[in-house]
PDB file of N, CA and C in Angstrom:
ATOM      1  N   UNK A   1       0.818  -1.197   0.000  1.00  0.00           N
ATOM      2  CA  UNK A   1       0.000   0.000   0.000  1.00  0.00           C
ATOM      3  C   UNK A   1       0.863   1.264   0.000  1.00  0.00           C
ATOM      4  N   UNK A   2       1.896   1.268   0.832  1.00  0.00           N
ATOM      5  CA  UNK A   2       2.785   2.433   0.892  1.00  0.00           C
ATOM      6  C   UNK A   2       3.489   2.601  -0.445  1.00  0.00           C
ATOM      7  N   UNK A   3       3.848   1.497  -1.057  1.00  0.00           N
ATOM      8  CA  UNK A   3       4.545   1.550  -2.346  1.00  0.00           C
ATOM      9  C   UNK A   3       3.665   2.206  -3.415  1.00  0.00           C
ATOM     10  N   UNK A   4       2.367   1.894  -3.403  1.00  0.00           N
ATOM     11  CA  UNK A   4       1.439   2.510  -4.359  1.00  0.00           C
ATOM     12  C   UNK A   4       1.347   4.011  -4.127  1.00  0.00           C
ATOM     13  N   UNK A   5       1.266   4.416  -2.870  1.00  0.00           N
ATOM     14  CA  UNK A   5       1.162   5.837  -2.545  1.00  0.00           C
ATOM     15  C   UNK A   5       2.406   6.581  -2.992  1.00  0.00           C
ATOM     16  N   UNK A   6       3.578   5.997  -2.741  1.00  0.00           N
ATOM     17  CA  UNK A   6       4.835   6.627  -3.155  1.00  0.00           C
ATOM     18  C   UNK A   6       4.898   6.730  -4.669  1.00  0.00           C
ATOM     19  N   UNK A   7       4.491   5.692  -5.369  1.00  0.00           N
ATOM     20  CA  UNK A   7       4.503   5.696  -6.830  1.00  0.00           C
ATOM     21  C   UNK A   7       3.573   6.778  -7.376  1.00  0.00           C
ATOM     22  N   UNK A   8       2.390   6.859  -6.828  1.00  0.00           N
ATOM     23  CA  UNK A   8       1.430   7.881  -7.269  1.00  0.00           C
ATOM     24  C   UNK A   8       1.969   9.280  -6.982  1.00  0.00           C
ATOM     25  N   UNK A   9       2.592   9.471  -5.827  1.00  0.00           N
ATOM     26  CA  UNK A   9       3.149  10.772  -5.480  1.00  0.00           C
ATOM     27  C   UNK A   9       4.270  11.158  -6.441  1.00  0.00           C
ATOM     28  N   UNK A  10       5.133  10.212  -6.781  1.00  0.00           N
ATOM     29  CA  UNK A  10       6.233  10.501  -7.710  1.00  0.00           C
ATOM     30  C   UNK A  10       5.716  10.833  -9.104  1.00  0.00           C
ATOM     31  N   UNK A  11       4.748  10.080  -9.573  1.00  0.00           N
ATOM     32  CA  UNK A  11       4.173  10.350 -10.892  1.00  0.00           C
ATOM     33  C   UNK A  11       3.484  11.716 -10.895  1.00  0.00           C
ATOM     34  N   UNK A  12       2.742  12.009  -9.842  1.00  0.00           N
ATOM     35  CA  UNK A  12       2.054  13.297  -9.742  1.00  0.00           C
ATOM     36  C   UNK A  12       3.024  14.461  -9.720  1.00  0.00           C
ATOM     37  N   UNK A  13       4.097  14.333  -8.963  1.00  0.00           N
ATOM     38  CA  UNK A  13       5.060  15.433  -8.905  1.00  0.00           C
ATOM     39  C   UNK A  13       5.780  15.585 -10.240  1.00  0.00           C
ATOM     40  N   UNK A  14       6.046  14.486 -10.918  1.00  0.00           N
ATOM     41  CA  UNK A  14       6.661  14.562 -12.244  1.00  0.00           C
ATOM     42  C   UNK A  14       5.768  15.268 -13.244  1.00  0.00           C
ATOM     43  N   UNK A  15       4.487  14.973 -13.205  1.00  0.00           N
ATOM     44  CA  UNK A  15       3.534  15.639 -14.101  1.00  0.00           C
ATOM     45  C   UNK A  15       3.418  17.129 -13.787  1.00  0.00           C
ATOM     46  N   UNK A  16       3.436  17.471 -12.516  1.00  0.00           N
ATOM     47  CA  UNK A  16       3.351  18.880 -12.136  1.00  0.00           C
ATOM     48  C   UNK A  16       4.577  19.646 -12.624  1.00  0.00           C
ATOM     49  N   UNK A  17       5.752  19.034 -12.499  1.00  0.00           N
ATOM     50  CA  UNK A  17       6.969  19.697 -12.964  1.00  0.00           C
ATOM     51  C   UNK A  17       6.953  19.853 -14.481  1.00  0.00           C
ATOM     52  N   UNK A  18       6.478  18.842 -15.184  1.00  0.00           N
ATOM     53  CA  UNK A  18       6.399  18.920 -16.644  1.00  0.00           C
ATOM     54  C   UNK A  18       5.408  20.002 -17.071  1.00  0.00           C
ATOM     55  N   UNK A  19       4.285  20.097 -16.392  1.00  0.00           N
ATOM     56  CA  UNK A  19       3.289  21.116 -16.713  1.00  0.00           C
ATOM     57  C   UNK A  19       3.849  22.507 -16.455  1.00  0.00           C
ATOM     58  N   UNK A  20       4.590  22.661 -15.379  1.00  0.00           N
ATOM     59  CA  UNK A  20       5.180  23.959 -15.051  1.00  0.00           C
ATOM     60  C   UNK A  20       6.145  24.380 -16.145  1.00  0.00           C
ATOM     61  N   UNK A  21       6.975  23.447 -16.603  1.00  0.00           N
ATOM     62  CA  UNK A  21       7.925  23.765 -17.667  1.00  0.00           C
ATOM     63  C   UNK A  21       7.203  24.098 -18.963  1.00  0.00           C
ATOM     64  N   UNK A  22       6.111  23.412 -19.239  1.00  0.00           N
ATOM     65  CA  UNK A  22       5.354  23.662 -20.460  1.00  0.00           C
ATOM     66  C   UNK A  22       4.740  25.062 -20.425  1.00  0.00           C
ATOM     67  N   UNK A  23       4.157  25.433 -19.306  1.00  0.00           N
ATOM     68  CA  UNK A  23       3.553  26.761 -19.174  1.00  0.00           C
ATOM     69  C   UNK A  23       4.631  27.827 -19.278  1.00  0.00           C
ATOM     70  N   UNK A  24       5.782  27.579 -18.649  1.00  0.00           N
ATOM     71  CA  UNK A  24       6.875  28.540 -18.704  1.00  0.00           C
ATOM     72  C   UNK A  24       7.369  28.702 -20.138  1.00  0.00           C
ATOM     73  N   UNK A  25       7.473  27.595 -20.873  1.00  0.00           N
ATOM     74  CA  UNK A  25       7.907  27.651 -22.262  1.00  0.00           C
ATOM     75  C   UNK A  25       6.897  28.373 -23.138  1.00  0.00           C
ATOM     76  N   UNK A  26       5.622  28.127 -22.893  1.00  0.00           N
ATOM     77  CA  UNK A  26       4.574  28.804 -23.667  1.00  0.00           C
ATOM     78  C   UNK A  26       4.599  30.304 -23.397  1.00  0.00           C
ATOM     79  N   UNK A  27       4.826  30.677 -22.156  1.00  0.00           N
ATOM     80  CA  UNK A  27       4.901  32.101 -21.817  1.00  0.00           C
ATOM     81  C   UNK A  27       6.086  32.755 -22.524  1.00  0.00           C
ATOM     82  N   UNK A  28       7.207  32.047 -22.605  1.00  0.00           N
ATOM     83  CA  UNK A  28       8.376  32.579 -23.327  1.00  0.00           C
ATOM     84  C   UNK A  28       8.066  32.742 -24.806  1.00  0.00           C
ATOM     85  N   UNK A  29       7.367  31.768 -25.392  1.00  0.00           N
ATOM     86  CA  UNK A  29       7.016  31.846 -26.811  1.00  0.00           C
ATOM     87  C   UNK A  29       6.107  33.038 -27.083  1.00  0.00           C
ATOM     88  N   UNK A  30       5.107  33.254 -26.231  1.00  0.00           N
ATOM     89  CA  UNK A  30       4.192  34.379 -26.405  1.00  0.00           C
ATOM     90  C   UNK A  30       4.948  35.692 -26.251  1.00  0.00           C
ATOM     91  N   UNK A  31       5.820  35.754 -25.268  1.00  0.00           N
ATOM     92  CA  UNK A  31       6.607  36.960 -25.041  1.00  0.00           C
ATOM     93  C   UNK A  31       7.516  37.238 -26.232  1.00  0.00           C
ATOM     94  N   UNK A  32       8.121  36.203 -26.775  1.00  0.00           N
ATOM     95  CA  UNK A  32       9.001  36.356 -27.930  1.00  0.00           C
ATOM     96  C   UNK A  32       8.223  36.850 -29.150  1.00  0.00           C
ATOM     97  N   UNK A  33       7.037  36.298 -29.363  1.00  0.00           N
ATOM     98  CA  UNK A  33       6.212  36.737 -30.486  1.00  0.00           C
ATOM     99  C   UNK A  33       5.772  38.185 -30.307  1.00  0.00           C
ATOM    100  N   UNK A  34       5.439  38.559 -29.093  1.00  0.00           N
ATOM    101  CA  UNK A  34       5.034  39.940 -28.824  1.00  0.00           C
ATOM    102  C   UNK A  34       6.208  40.898 -29.087  1.00  0.00           C
ATOM    103  N   UNK A  35       7.400  40.507 -28.669  1.00  0.00           N
ATOM    104  CA  UNK A  35       8.578  41.340 -28.922  1.00  0.00           C
ATOM    105  C   UNK A  35       8.867  41.476 -30.411  1.00  0.00           C
ATOM    106  N   UNK A  36       8.734  40.384 -31.139  1.00  0.00           N
ATOM    107  CA  UNK A  36       8.987  40.418 -32.576  1.00  0.00           C
ATOM    108  C   UNK A  36       7.976  41.333 -33.280  1.00  0.00           C
ATOM    109  N   UNK A  37       6.719  41.252 -32.872  1.00  0.00           N
ATOM    110  CA  UNK A  37       5.683  42.107 -33.444  1.00  0.00           C
ATOM    111  C   UNK A  37       5.949  43.572 -33.137  1.00  0.00           C
ATOM    112  N   UNK A  38       6.328  43.825 -31.895  1.00  0.00           N
ATOM    113  CA  UNK A  38       6.596  45.198 -31.482  1.00  0.00           C
ATOM    114  C   UNK A  38       7.804  45.758 -32.232  1.00  0.00           C
ATOM    115  N   UNK A  39       8.846  44.950 -32.421  1.00  0.00           N
ATOM    116  CA  UNK A  39      10.034  45.401 -33.144  1.00  0.00           C
ATOM    117  C   UNK A  39       9.713  45.651 -34.611  1.00  0.00           C
ATOM    118  N   UNK A  40       8.825  44.874 -35.190  1.00  0.00           N
ATOM    119  CA  UNK A  40       8.468  45.029 -36.602  1.00  0.00           C
ATOM    120  C   UNK A  40       7.688  46.326 -36.819  1.00  0.00           C
ATOM    121  N   UNK A  41       6.955  46.762 -35.806  1.00  0.00           N
ATOM    122  CA  UNK A  41       6.137  47.969 -35.939  1.00  0.00           C
ATOM    123  C   UNK A  41       6.975  49.245 -35.801  1.00  0.00           C
ATOM    124  N   UNK A  42       8.163  49.138 -35.240  1.00  0.00           N
ATOM    125  CA  UNK A  42       8.999  50.343 -35.026  1.00  0.00           C
ATOM    126  C   UNK A  42       9.975  50.535 -36.120  1.00  0.00           C
TER     127      UNK A  42
END
């Protein structure tokens, strides 16, 4: 039983870290596109 709980906790934390990196990467992409658009307008 403890082994199942530990396994679920590890998988859950891995998914949370992956989601955090994905959101961070998406935010960088949006920021980069906004900068490129702004530079093109000037």
